[in-house]
């Protein structure tokens, strides 16, 4: 470990931990208040049972964090497009595309989203750049000629029962990621457990994110409580190798009211230039019909604004 990594490792140990207990107390408080409406879908579905998570927590991020989040029940094909513009330079744009499909006990998805979003651990940007993106250009000359690509597949492997006879569902996922900067392929497994309104899981991937670094191992974990019309989620993103910057803590609260969905998220993380900071993400989504929804996102990519559309085919 070089001197820079030792310094950052020491700094990360001194960081104050976010008030996780307070957030979990709030989430547990909501559990008895869940809706009795049998038509309310589980956490991965939107209010009208489309196969995508809401735009506020986009499809590309859901199975980027953990491929086991892909739906494993029969569902329509979902197409998501997100166009982002840098706040400082609105003429600079970036388009991300995602497609998923749920089958009987199997789910599959593909996305072009990179690692610079709010729900990703962009270790290169954190170590070398500012907290707000100023360009969509990569940090070095790309070795490949294709776009970044993330593919995933998930399987419903059943579950067991606890002492009270309640069923606990289990899903296993795998991802493969192409990084056009290093022209390499990485990936790894993920697992998800579901019990009533509670979901929890985690994933591991190994990737080469820069030509001057060895492979970096990324760890993700998430716990979510869905008590419609409110949903709470906590994500933790960590890495081993590359730069010792400490974990990323992300807290997300989503509220639904009819065809309108609102989300507020905050994350706590360390940048080399700015130290330990917090960043916020806000999104508004409206379901135009059962086949179409649109939304506005602030800081989906830190330092940018985004327009999003989801199509359900």
C-alpha atoms as a PDB file:
ATOM      1  CA  UNK A   1       0.000   0.000   0.000  1.00  0.00           C
ATOM      2  CA  UNK A   2       1.462   3.381  -0.990  1.00  0.00           C
ATOM      3  CA  UNK A   3       1.496   6.476   1.233  1.00  0.00           C
ATOM      4  CA  UNK A   4      -1.642   7.953  -0.377  1.00  0.00           C
ATOM      5  CA  UNK A   5      -3.657   4.806   0.316  1.00  0.00           C
ATOM      6  CA  UNK A   6      -2.392   4.683   3.923  1.00  0.00           C
ATOM      7  CA  UNK A   7      -3.425   8.308   4.439  1.00  0.00           C
ATOM      8  CA  UNK A   8      -6.921   7.714   3.037  1.00  0.00           C
ATOM      9  CA  UNK A   9      -7.319   4.497   5.041  1.00  0.00           C
ATOM     10  CA  UNK A  10      -6.459   6.384   8.230  1.00  0.00           C
ATOM     11  CA  UNK A  11      -8.897   9.169   7.292  1.00  0.00           C
ATOM     12  CA  UNK A  12     -11.718   6.716   6.600  1.00  0.00           C
ATOM     13  CA  UNK A  13     -11.278   5.155  10.046  1.00  0.00           C
ATOM     14  CA  UNK A  14     -11.747   8.576  11.658  1.00  0.00           C
ATOM     15  CA  UNK A  15     -14.972   9.362   9.776  1.00  0.00           C
ATOM     16  CA  UNK A  16     -18.139   9.625  11.792  1.00  0.00           C
ATOM     17  CA  UNK A  17     -20.736   6.968  11.001  1.00  0.00           C
ATOM     18  CA  UNK A  18     -24.129   8.160   9.662  1.00  0.00           C
ATOM     19  CA  UNK A  19     -27.077   7.806  12.073  1.00  0.00           C
ATOM     20  CA  UNK A  20     -27.989   4.376  10.765  1.00  0.00           C
ATOM     21  CA  UNK A  21     -29.904   3.450  13.894  1.00  0.00           C
ATOM     22  CA  UNK A  22     -32.260   6.406  13.474  1.00  0.00           C
ATOM     23  CA  UNK A  23     -33.057   5.427   9.883  1.00  0.00           C
ATOM     24  CA  UNK A  24     -33.715   1.799  10.835  1.00  0.00           C
ATOM     25  CA  UNK A  25     -35.947   2.878  13.717  1.00  0.00           C
ATOM     26  CA  UNK A  26     -37.995   4.895  11.225  1.00  0.00           C
ATOM     27  CA  UNK A  27     -38.186   1.923   8.866  1.00  0.00           C
ATOM     28  CA  UNK A  28     -39.274  -0.489  11.609  1.00  0.00           C
ATOM     29  CA  UNK A  29     -41.877   2.020  12.785  1.00  0.00           C
ATOM     30  CA  UNK A  30     -43.489   1.810   9.346  1.00  0.00           C
ATOM     31  CA  UNK A  31     -43.811  -1.985   9.255  1.00  0.00           C
ATOM     32  CA  UNK A  32     -47.150  -2.259  11.151  1.00  0.00           C
ATOM     33  CA  UNK A  33     -48.648   0.419   8.866  1.00  0.00           C
ATOM     34  CA  UNK A  34     -48.443  -1.553   5.613  1.00  0.00           C
ATOM     35  CA  UNK A  35     -51.300  -1.400   3.156  1.00  0.00           C
ATOM     36  CA  UNK A  36     -53.920  -4.147   3.230  1.00  0.00           C
ATOM     37  CA  UNK A  37     -54.509  -3.765  -0.502  1.00  0.00           C
ATOM     38  CA  UNK A  38     -53.716  -7.131  -2.108  1.00  0.00           C
ATOM     39  CA  UNK A  39     -52.986  -5.373  -5.388  1.00  0.00           C
ATOM     40  CA  UNK A  40     -49.905  -3.573  -4.063  1.00  0.00           C
ATOM     41  CA  UNK A  41     -46.825  -5.062  -5.746  1.00  0.00           C
ATOM     42  CA  UNK A  42     -43.572  -6.027  -4.111  1.00  0.00           C
ATOM     43  CA  UNK A  43     -40.515  -3.797  -3.865  1.00  0.00           C
ATOM     44  CA  UNK A  44     -39.173  -4.359  -7.360  1.00  0.00           C
ATOM     45  CA  UNK A  45     -42.446  -3.390  -9.047  1.00  0.00           C
ATOM     46  CA  UNK A  46     -43.987  -0.029  -9.650  1.00  0.00           C
ATOM     47  CA  UNK A  47     -47.476   0.764  -8.388  1.00  0.00           C
ATOM     48  CA  UNK A  48     -49.125  -0.716 -11.495  1.00  0.00           C
ATOM     49  CA  UNK A  49     -47.025  -3.908 -11.400  1.00  0.00           C
ATOM     50  CA  UNK A  50     -44.623  -3.008 -14.203  1.00  0.00           C
ATOM     51  CA  UNK A  51     -41.322  -4.943 -14.058  1.00  0.00           C
ATOM     52  CA  UNK A  52     -39.077  -1.941 -13.335  1.00  0.00           C
ATOM     53  CA  UNK A  53     -38.162  -0.241 -10.116  1.00  0.00           C
ATOM     54  CA  UNK A  54     -39.299   3.354 -10.121  1.00  0.00           C
ATOM     55  CA  UNK A  55     -37.284   5.918 -12.073  1.00  0.00           C
ATOM     56  CA  UNK A  56     -36.220   7.340  -8.713  1.00  0.00           C
ATOM     57  CA  UNK A  57     -34.101   4.225  -8.229  1.00  0.00           C
ATOM     58  CA  UNK A  58     -33.454   3.260 -11.842  1.00  0.00           C
ATOM     59  CA  UNK A  59     -33.301  -0.204 -13.335  1.00  0.00           C
ATOM     60  CA  UNK A  60     -29.626   0.125 -14.242  1.00  0.00           C
ATOM     61  CA  UNK A  61     -28.756   0.753 -10.584  1.00  0.00           C
ATOM     62  CA  UNK A  62     -31.006  -1.951  -9.169  1.00  0.00           C
ATOM     63  CA  UNK A  63     -29.121  -4.823 -10.748  1.00  0.00           C
ATOM     64  CA  UNK A  64     -25.807  -2.951 -10.771  1.00  0.00           C
ATOM     65  CA  UNK A  65     -25.972  -3.043  -6.978  1.00  0.00           C
ATOM     66  CA  UNK A  66     -27.181  -6.651  -6.963  1.00  0.00           C
ATOM     67  CA  UNK A  67     -28.183  -8.745 -10.022  1.00  0.00           C
ATOM     68  CA  UNK A  68     -30.549 -10.754  -7.814  1.00  0.00           C
ATOM     69  CA  UNK A  69     -32.929  -7.723  -7.875  1.00  0.00           C
ATOM     70  CA  UNK A  70     -33.959  -8.670 -11.416  1.00  0.00           C
ATOM     71  CA  UNK A  71     -37.605  -9.891 -11.425  1.00  0.00           C
ATOM     72  CA  UNK A  72     -38.095 -13.662 -11.498  1.00  0.00           C
ATOM     73  CA  UNK A  73     -41.827 -13.677 -12.180  1.00  0.00           C
ATOM     74  CA  UNK A  74     -43.530 -13.443 -15.572  1.00  0.00           C
ATOM     75  CA  UNK A  75     -43.684  -9.753 -16.495  1.00  0.00           C
ATOM     76  CA  UNK A  76     -43.664  -7.455 -19.556  1.00  0.00           C
ATOM     77  CA  UNK A  77     -40.411  -6.287 -21.072  1.00  0.00           C
ATOM     78  CA  UNK A  78     -39.274  -2.971 -19.597  1.00  0.00           C
ATOM     79  CA  UNK A  79     -37.233  -0.353 -21.465  1.00  0.00           C
ATOM     80  CA  UNK A  80     -35.695   2.601 -19.629  1.00  0.00           C
ATOM     81  CA  UNK A  81     -33.907   5.641 -21.091  1.00  0.00           C
ATOM     82  CA  UNK A  82     -32.161   8.322 -19.013  1.00  0.00           C
ATOM     83  CA  UNK A  83     -30.661  11.423 -20.623  1.00  0.00           C
ATOM     84  CA  UNK A  84     -28.367  13.388 -18.308  1.00  0.00           C
ATOM     85  CA  UNK A  85     -26.965  16.915 -18.698  1.00  0.00           C
ATOM     86  CA  UNK A  86     -24.119  18.378 -16.632  1.00  0.00           C
ATOM     87  CA  UNK A  87     -25.357  21.410 -14.667  1.00  0.00           C
ATOM     88  CA  UNK A  88     -22.240  23.480 -15.399  1.00  0.00           C
ATOM     89  CA  UNK A  89     -22.300  22.577 -19.114  1.00  0.00           C
ATOM     90  CA  UNK A  90     -25.900  21.753 -20.142  1.00  0.00           C
ATOM     91  CA  UNK A  91     -24.858  21.186 -23.752  1.00  0.00           C
ATOM     92  CA  UNK A  92     -22.938  18.082 -22.650  1.00  0.00           C
ATOM     93  CA  UNK A  93     -25.281  15.089 -22.587  1.00  0.00           C
ATOM     94  CA  UNK A  94     -25.168  11.358 -21.865  1.00  0.00           C
ATOM     95  CA  UNK A  95     -27.779   8.704 -22.694  1.00  0.00           C
ATOM     96  CA  UNK A  96     -28.178   5.461 -20.723  1.00  0.00           C
ATOM     97  CA  UNK A  97     -30.405   2.575 -21.843  1.00  0.00           C
ATOM     98  CA  UNK A  98     -31.686  -0.421 -19.881  1.00  0.00           C
ATOM     99  CA  UNK A  99     -33.854  -3.427 -20.766  1.00  0.00           C
ATOM    100  CA  UNK A 100     -35.188  -6.172 -18.490  1.00  0.00           C
ATOM    101  CA  UNK A 101     -37.594  -9.091 -18.789  1.00  0.00           C
ATOM    102  CA  UNK A 102     -39.052 -11.343 -16.132  1.00  0.00           C
ATOM    103  CA  UNK A 103     -39.793 -14.979 -16.925  1.00  0.00           C
ATOM    104  CA  UNK A 104     -41.055 -17.839 -14.781  1.00  0.00           C
ATOM    105  CA  UNK A 105     -38.424 -18.066 -12.002  1.00  0.00           C
ATOM    106  CA  UNK A 106     -35.804 -16.365 -14.219  1.00  0.00           C
ATOM    107  CA  UNK A 107     -35.008 -12.697 -14.858  1.00  0.00           C
ATOM    108  CA  UNK A 108     -32.600 -11.050 -17.297  1.00  0.00           C
ATOM    109  CA  UNK A 109     -31.383  -7.503 -17.954  1.00  0.00           C
ATOM    110  CA  UNK A 110     -28.857  -5.414 -19.848  1.00  0.00           C
ATOM    111  CA  UNK A 111     -27.834  -1.779 -19.268  1.00  0.00           C
ATOM    112  CA  UNK A 112     -25.304   0.733 -20.609  1.00  0.00           C
ATOM    113  CA  UNK A 113     -25.027   2.754 -17.377  1.00  0.00           C
ATOM    114  CA  UNK A 114     -21.489   3.396 -16.105  1.00  0.00           C
ATOM    115  CA  UNK A 115     -20.147   3.731 -12.556  1.00  0.00           C
ATOM    116  CA  UNK A 116     -20.657   7.504 -12.216  1.00  0.00           C
ATOM    117  CA  UNK A 117     -24.244   7.429 -10.894  1.00  0.00           C
ATOM    118  CA  UNK A 118     -25.537   8.199  -7.408  1.00  0.00           C
ATOM    119  CA  UNK A 119     -25.948   4.487  -6.625  1.00  0.00           C
ATOM    120  CA  UNK A 120     -22.455   3.461  -7.730  1.00  0.00           C
ATOM    121  CA  UNK A 121     -18.996   3.432  -6.169  1.00  0.00           C
ATOM    122  CA  UNK A 122     -16.941   5.410  -8.698  1.00  0.00           C
ATOM    123  CA  UNK A 123     -13.549   4.969  -7.034  1.00  0.00           C
ATOM    124  CA  UNK A 124     -11.664   6.753  -9.841  1.00  0.00           C
ATOM    125  CA  UNK A 125     -13.797   9.911  -9.619  1.00  0.00           C
ATOM    126  CA  UNK A 126     -13.649   9.829  -5.825  1.00  0.00           C
ATOM    127  CA  UNK A 127      -9.858   9.536  -5.831  1.00  0.00           C
ATOM    128  CA  UNK A 128      -8.918  11.931  -8.643  1.00  0.00           C
ATOM    129  CA  UNK A 129     -11.818  14.295  -9.361  1.00  0.00           C
ATOM    130  CA  UNK A 130     -14.298  16.664  -7.743  1.00  0.00           C
ATOM    131  CA  UNK A 131     -17.547  15.492  -6.144  1.00  0.00           C
ATOM    132  CA  UNK A 132     -19.594  16.915  -9.041  1.00  0.00           C
ATOM    133  CA  UNK A 133     -18.989  15.627 -12.531  1.00  0.00           C
ATOM    134  CA  UNK A 134     -17.662  18.205 -15.008  1.00  0.00           C
ATOM    135  CA  UNK A 135     -17.435  15.968 -18.097  1.00  0.00           C
ATOM    136  CA  UNK A 136     -18.743  12.635 -19.369  1.00  0.00           C
ATOM    137  CA  UNK A 137     -15.357  11.832 -20.912  1.00  0.00           C
ATOM    138  CA  UNK A 138     -13.475   8.921 -19.277  1.00  0.00           C
ATOM    139  CA  UNK A 139     -10.456   9.575 -17.056  1.00  0.00           C
ATOM    140  CA  UNK A 140      -8.116   8.008 -19.603  1.00  0.00           C
ATOM    141  CA  UNK A 141      -8.077   7.048 -23.270  1.00  0.00           C
ATOM    142  CA  UNK A 142     -10.419   4.032 -23.705  1.00  0.00           C
ATOM    143  CA  UNK A 143      -8.811   0.792 -24.801  1.00  0.00           C
ATOM    144  CA  UNK A 144     -12.078  -0.561 -26.222  1.00  0.00           C
ATOM    145  CA  UNK A 145     -14.421   0.673 -28.929  1.00  0.00           C
ATOM    146  CA  UNK A 146     -17.770  -0.410 -27.448  1.00  0.00           C
ATOM    147  CA  UNK A 147     -19.870   1.231 -24.752  1.00  0.00           C
ATOM    148  CA  UNK A 148     -19.897   0.120 -21.114  1.00  0.00           C
ATOM    149  CA  UNK A 149     -22.291  -2.806 -20.767  1.00  0.00           C
ATOM    150  CA  UNK A 150     -23.735  -4.493 -17.704  1.00  0.00           C
ATOM    151  CA  UNK A 151     -25.694  -7.746 -18.094  1.00  0.00           C
ATOM    152  CA  UNK A 152     -27.394  -9.759 -15.403  1.00  0.00           C
ATOM    153  CA  UNK A 153     -29.500 -12.836 -14.799  1.00  0.00           C
ATOM    154  CA  UNK A 154     -31.386 -13.951 -11.668  1.00  0.00           C
ATOM    155  CA  UNK A 155     -32.970 -17.212 -10.558  1.00  0.00           C
ATOM    156  CA  UNK A 156     -35.712 -17.930  -8.029  1.00  0.00           C
ATOM    157  CA  UNK A 157     -34.213 -20.792  -6.044  1.00  0.00           C
ATOM    158  CA  UNK A 158     -37.107 -21.065  -3.609  1.00  0.00           C
ATOM    159  CA  UNK A 159     -36.829 -20.661   0.127  1.00  0.00           C
ATOM    160  CA  UNK A 160     -37.461 -22.152   3.513  1.00  0.00           C
ATOM    161  CA  UNK A 161     -39.777 -21.441   6.425  1.00  0.00           C
ATOM    162  CA  UNK A 162     -39.047 -19.958   9.817  1.00  0.00           C
ATOM    163  CA  UNK A 163     -40.387 -21.299  13.124  1.00  0.00           C
ATOM    164  CA  UNK A 164     -43.740 -19.576  12.534  1.00  0.00           C
ATOM    165  CA  UNK A 165     -44.157 -21.168   9.114  1.00  0.00           C
ATOM    166  CA  UNK A 166     -43.562 -17.930   7.192  1.00  0.00           C
ATOM    167  CA  UNK A 167     -41.941 -18.333   3.787  1.00  0.00           C
ATOM    168  CA  UNK A 168     -38.598 -16.666   3.054  1.00  0.00           C
ATOM    169  CA  UNK A 169     -37.943 -16.291  -0.676  1.00  0.00           C
ATOM    170  CA  UNK A 170     -34.416 -16.510  -2.080  1.00  0.00           C
ATOM    171  CA  UNK A 171     -33.076 -15.288  -5.411  1.00  0.00           C
ATOM    172  CA  UNK A 172     -29.593 -15.792  -6.815  1.00  0.00           C
ATOM    173  CA  UNK A 173     -28.114 -13.489  -9.461  1.00  0.00           C
ATOM    174  CA  UNK A 174     -25.000 -13.197 -11.627  1.00  0.00           C
ATOM    175  CA  UNK A 175     -23.615 -10.197 -13.528  1.00  0.00           C
ATOM    176  CA  UNK A 176     -21.083  -9.701 -16.313  1.00  0.00           C
ATOM    177  CA  UNK A 177     -19.730  -6.193 -16.986  1.00  0.00           C
ATOM    178  CA  UNK A 178     -17.746  -4.833 -19.913  1.00  0.00           C
ATOM    179  CA  UNK A 179     -15.568  -1.790 -19.156  1.00  0.00           C
ATOM    180  CA  UNK A 180     -14.680   0.046 -22.369  1.00  0.00           C
ATOM    181  CA  UNK A 181     -11.898   2.084 -20.713  1.00  0.00           C
ATOM    182  CA  UNK A 182      -9.833  -1.006 -19.882  1.00  0.00           C
ATOM    183  CA  UNK A 183     -11.446  -3.249 -22.535  1.00  0.00           C
ATOM    184  CA  UNK A 184     -12.015  -5.969 -19.927  1.00  0.00           C
ATOM    185  CA  UNK A 185     -14.897  -8.028 -18.586  1.00  0.00           C
ATOM    186  CA  UNK A 186     -15.670  -8.479 -14.889  1.00  0.00           C
ATOM    187  CA  UNK A 187     -18.665  -9.489 -12.804  1.00  0.00           C
ATOM    188  CA  UNK A 188     -19.824 -11.630  -9.937  1.00  0.00           C
ATOM    189  CA  UNK A 189     -22.741 -13.105  -7.939  1.00  0.00           C
ATOM    190  CA  UNK A 190     -25.488 -11.618  -5.770  1.00  0.00           C
ATOM    191  CA  UNK A 191     -28.170 -12.969  -3.461  1.00  0.00           C
ATOM    192  CA  UNK A 192     -31.517 -11.593  -2.274  1.00  0.00           C
ATOM    193  CA  UNK A 193     -33.894 -12.660   0.504  1.00  0.00           C
ATOM    194  CA  UNK A 194     -37.559 -11.605   0.763  1.00  0.00           C
ATOM    195  CA  UNK A 195     -39.782 -11.932   3.816  1.00  0.00           C
ATOM    196  CA  UNK A 196     -43.121 -10.105   3.963  1.00  0.00           C
ATOM    197  CA  UNK A 197     -42.308  -6.404   3.425  1.00  0.00           C
ATOM    198  CA  UNK A 198     -38.597  -6.837   4.141  1.00  0.00           C
ATOM    199  CA  UNK A 199     -35.854  -7.528   1.568  1.00  0.00           C
ATOM    200  CA  UNK A 200     -32.115  -7.822   2.114  1.00  0.00           C
ATOM    201  CA  UNK A 201     -29.106  -9.063   0.177  1.00  0.00           C
ATOM    202  CA  UNK A 202     -25.693  -8.322  -1.240  1.00  0.00           C
ATOM    203  CA  UNK A 203     -23.335  -8.848  -4.138  1.00  0.00           C
ATOM    204  CA  UNK A 204     -19.670  -9.110  -5.101  1.00  0.00           C
ATOM    205  CA  UNK A 205     -18.042  -8.108  -8.390  1.00  0.00           C
ATOM    206  CA  UNK A 206     -14.455  -7.962  -9.557  1.00  0.00           C
ATOM    207  CA  UNK A 207     -13.455  -5.457 -12.255  1.00  0.00           C
ATOM    208  CA  UNK A 208     -10.497  -3.652 -13.768  1.00  0.00           C
ATOM    209  CA  UNK A 209     -11.572   0.012 -13.676  1.00  0.00           C
ATOM    210  CA  UNK A 210      -8.274   1.652 -14.717  1.00  0.00           C
ATOM    211  CA  UNK A 211      -5.275   0.483 -16.717  1.00  0.00           C
ATOM    212  CA  UNK A 212      -2.831   1.489 -13.950  1.00  0.00           C
ATOM    213  CA  UNK A 213      -4.705  -0.454 -11.231  1.00  0.00           C
ATOM    214  CA  UNK A 214      -5.044  -4.132 -10.457  1.00  0.00           C
ATOM    215  CA  UNK A 215      -8.516  -5.645 -10.393  1.00  0.00           C
ATOM    216  CA  UNK A 216     -10.804  -4.061  -7.780  1.00  0.00           C
ATOM    217  CA  UNK A 217     -13.305  -6.130  -5.795  1.00  0.00           C
ATOM    218  CA  UNK A 218     -16.598  -4.358  -5.056  1.00  0.00           C
ATOM    219  CA  UNK A 219     -18.972  -5.374  -2.249  1.00  0.00           C
ATOM    220  CA  UNK A 220     -22.593  -4.208  -2.003  1.00  0.00           C
ATOM    221  CA  UNK A 221     -25.297  -4.726   0.584  1.00  0.00           C
ATOM    222  CA  UNK A 222     -28.886  -3.548   0.860  1.00  0.00           C
ATOM    223  CA  UNK A 223     -31.874  -3.774   3.147  1.00  0.00           C
ATOM    224  CA  UNK A 224     -35.308  -2.443   2.170  1.00  0.00           C
ATOM    225  CA  UNK A 225     -38.713  -2.088   3.780  1.00  0.00           C
ATOM    226  CA  UNK A 226     -41.742  -1.604   1.529  1.00  0.00           C
ATOM    227  CA  UNK A 227     -44.840  -0.421   3.397  1.00  0.00           C
ATOM    228  CA  UNK A 228     -46.815   1.042   0.530  1.00  0.00           C
ATOM    229  CA  UNK A 229     -47.095   3.981  -0.083  1.00  0.00           C
ATOM    230  CA  UNK A 230     -43.673   4.395   1.577  1.00  0.00           C
ATOM    231  CA  UNK A 231     -40.461   2.544   0.813  1.00  0.00           C
ATOM    232  CA  UNK A 232     -37.166   2.821   2.673  1.00  0.00           C
ATOM    233  CA  UNK A 233     -33.819   1.395   1.545  1.00  0.00           C
ATOM    234  CA  UNK A 234     -30.264   1.455   2.846  1.00  0.00           C
ATOM    235  CA  UNK A 235     -27.319   0.558   0.599  1.00  0.00           C
ATOM    236  CA  UNK A 236     -23.667   0.185   1.495  1.00  0.00           C
ATOM    237  CA  UNK A 237     -20.976   0.071  -1.213  1.00  0.00           C
ATOM    238  CA  UNK A 238     -17.378  -0.939  -0.462  1.00  0.00           C
ATOM    239  CA  UNK A 239     -14.249  -1.892  -2.377  1.00  0.00           C
ATOM    240  CA  UNK A 240     -11.007  -3.763  -1.821  1.00  0.00           C
ATOM    241  CA  UNK A 241      -8.096  -2.668  -3.991  1.00  0.00           C
ATOM    242  CA  UNK A 242      -7.610   0.517  -5.953  1.00  0.00           C
ATOM    243  CA  UNK A 243      -8.021   3.370  -3.479  1.00  0.00           C
ATOM    244  CA  UNK A 244      -8.792   3.122   0.254  1.00  0.00           C
ATOM    245  CA  UNK A 245     -11.644   5.642   0.429  1.00  0.00           C
ATOM    246  CA  UNK A 246     -14.009   3.959   2.860  1.00  0.00           C
ATOM    247  CA  UNK A 247     -17.612   2.824   2.219  1.00  0.00           C
ATOM    248  CA  UNK A 248     -20.492   4.680   0.583  1.00  0.00           C
ATOM    249  CA  UNK A 249     -23.686   4.822   2.706  1.00  0.00           C
ATOM    250  CA  UNK A 250     -26.932   5.527   0.795  1.00  0.00           C
ATOM    251  CA  UNK A 251     -30.361   6.124   2.375  1.00  0.00           C
ATOM    252  CA  UNK A 252     -33.435   6.322   0.106  1.00  0.00           C
ATOM    253  CA  UNK A 253     -37.047   7.170   0.956  1.00  0.00           C
ATOM    254  CA  UNK A 254     -39.747   6.863  -1.729  1.00  0.00           C
ATOM    255  CA  UNK A 255     -43.404   7.912  -1.410  1.00  0.00           C
ATOM    256  CA  UNK A 256     -46.197   7.075  -3.871  1.00  0.00           C
ATOM    257  CA  UNK A 257     -49.512   8.892  -4.294  1.00  0.00           C
ATOM    258  CA  UNK A 258     -51.637   7.612  -7.143  1.00  0.00           C
ATOM    259  CA  UNK A 259     -49.688   8.030 -10.374  1.00  0.00           C
ATOM    260  CA  UNK A 260     -47.057  10.232  -8.724  1.00  0.00           C
ATOM    261  CA  UNK A 261     -43.888   8.940  -7.061  1.00  0.00           C
ATOM    262  CA  UNK A 262     -41.387  11.086  -5.140  1.00  0.00           C
ATOM    263  CA  UNK A 263     -37.934  10.083  -3.931  1.00  0.00           C
ATOM    264  CA  UNK A 264     -35.306  11.688  -1.717  1.00  0.00           C
ATOM    265  CA  UNK A 265     -31.929  10.031  -1.183  1.00  0.00           C
ATOM    266  CA  UNK A 266     -28.754  11.046   0.620  1.00  0.00           C
ATOM    267  CA  UNK A 267     -25.356   9.409   0.546  1.00  0.00           C
ATOM    268  CA  UNK A 268     -22.240   9.814   2.698  1.00  0.00           C
ATOM    269  CA  UNK A 269     -18.803   9.177   1.185  1.00  0.00           C
ATOM    270  CA  UNK A 270     -15.198  10.371   0.954  1.00  0.00           C
ATOM    271  CA  UNK A 271     -13.503  12.233  -1.899  1.00  0.00           C
ATOM    272  CA  UNK A 272      -9.745  12.786  -1.837  1.00  0.00           C
ATOM    273  CA  UNK A 273     -10.129  16.488  -2.647  1.00  0.00           C
ATOM    274  CA  UNK A 274     -13.075  17.313  -0.399  1.00  0.00           C
ATOM    275  CA  UNK A 275     -12.962  14.766   2.399  1.00  0.00           C
ATOM    276  CA  UNK A 276     -16.076  13.190   3.927  1.00  0.00           C
ATOM    277  CA  UNK A 277     -19.223  14.788   2.455  1.00  0.00           C
ATOM    278  CA  UNK A 278     -22.924  14.160   1.869  1.00  0.00           C
ATOM    279  CA  UNK A 279     -24.771  14.361  -1.460  1.00  0.00           C
ATOM    280  CA  UNK A 280     -28.512  14.432  -2.180  1.00  0.00           C
ATOM    281  CA  UNK A 281     -30.600  12.996  -4.993  1.00  0.00           C
ATOM    282  CA  UNK A 282     -34.218  13.991  -5.725  1.00  0.00           C
ATOM    283  CA  UNK A 283     -36.584  12.534  -8.332  1.00  0.00           C
ATOM    284  CA  UNK A 284     -40.199  12.869  -9.448  1.00  0.00           C
ATOM    285  CA  UNK A 285     -41.948  10.223 -11.547  1.00  0.00           C
ATOM    286  CA  UNK A 286     -45.413  10.251 -13.134  1.00  0.00           C
ATOM    287  CA  UNK A 287     -47.193   7.248 -14.630  1.00  0.00           C
ATOM    288  CA  UNK A 288     -48.743   8.499 -17.857  1.00  0.00           C
ATOM    289  CA  UNK A 289     -50.326   5.114 -18.608  1.00  0.00           C
ATOM    290  CA  UNK A 290     -49.778   1.458 -17.775  1.00  0.00           C
ATOM    291  CA  UNK A 291     -47.268   1.366 -20.633  1.00  0.00           C
ATOM    292  CA  UNK A 292     -45.399   4.638 -20.057  1.00  0.00           C
ATOM    293  CA  UNK A 293     -43.928   6.770 -17.264  1.00  0.00           C
ATOM    294  CA  UNK A 294     -41.673   9.823 -17.232  1.00  0.00           C
ATOM    295  CA  UNK A 295     -39.575  11.596 -14.653  1.00  0.00           C
ATOM    296  CA  UNK A 296     -37.116  14.312 -13.673  1.00  0.00           C
ATOM    297  CA  UNK A 297     -34.005  13.489 -11.655  1.00  0.00           C
ATOM    298  CA  UNK A 298     -31.594  15.803  -9.849  1.00  0.00           C
ATOM    299  CA  UNK A 299     -28.094  14.450  -9.115  1.00  0.00           C
ATOM    300  CA  UNK A 300     -28.784  10.985 -10.585  1.00  0.00           C
ATOM    301  CA  UNK A 301     -25.242  11.570 -11.804  1.00  0.00           C
ATOM    302  CA  UNK A 302     -23.768  14.004  -9.198  1.00  0.00           C
ATOM    303  CA  UNK A 303     -23.584  17.444 -10.764  1.00  0.00           C
ATOM    304  CA  UNK A 304     -26.226  16.765 -13.422  1.00  0.00           C
ATOM    305  CA  UNK A 305     -29.936  16.859 -14.163  1.00  0.00           C
ATOM    306  CA  UNK A 306     -31.705  14.003 -15.989  1.00  0.00           C
ATOM    307  CA  UNK A 307     -34.839  13.267 -18.001  1.00  0.00           C
ATOM    308  CA  UNK A 308     -36.117   9.687 -17.889  1.00  0.00           C
ATOM    309  CA  UNK A 309     -38.732   7.545 -19.618  1.00  0.00           C
ATOM    310  CA  UNK A 310     -39.825   3.989 -18.921  1.00  0.00           C
ATOM    311  CA  UNK A 311     -41.754   1.901 -21.447  1.00  0.00           C
ATOM    312  CA  UNK A 312     -43.538  -1.350 -20.538  1.00  0.00           C
ATOM    313  CA  UNK A 313     -44.020  -3.608 -23.561  1.00  0.00           C
END
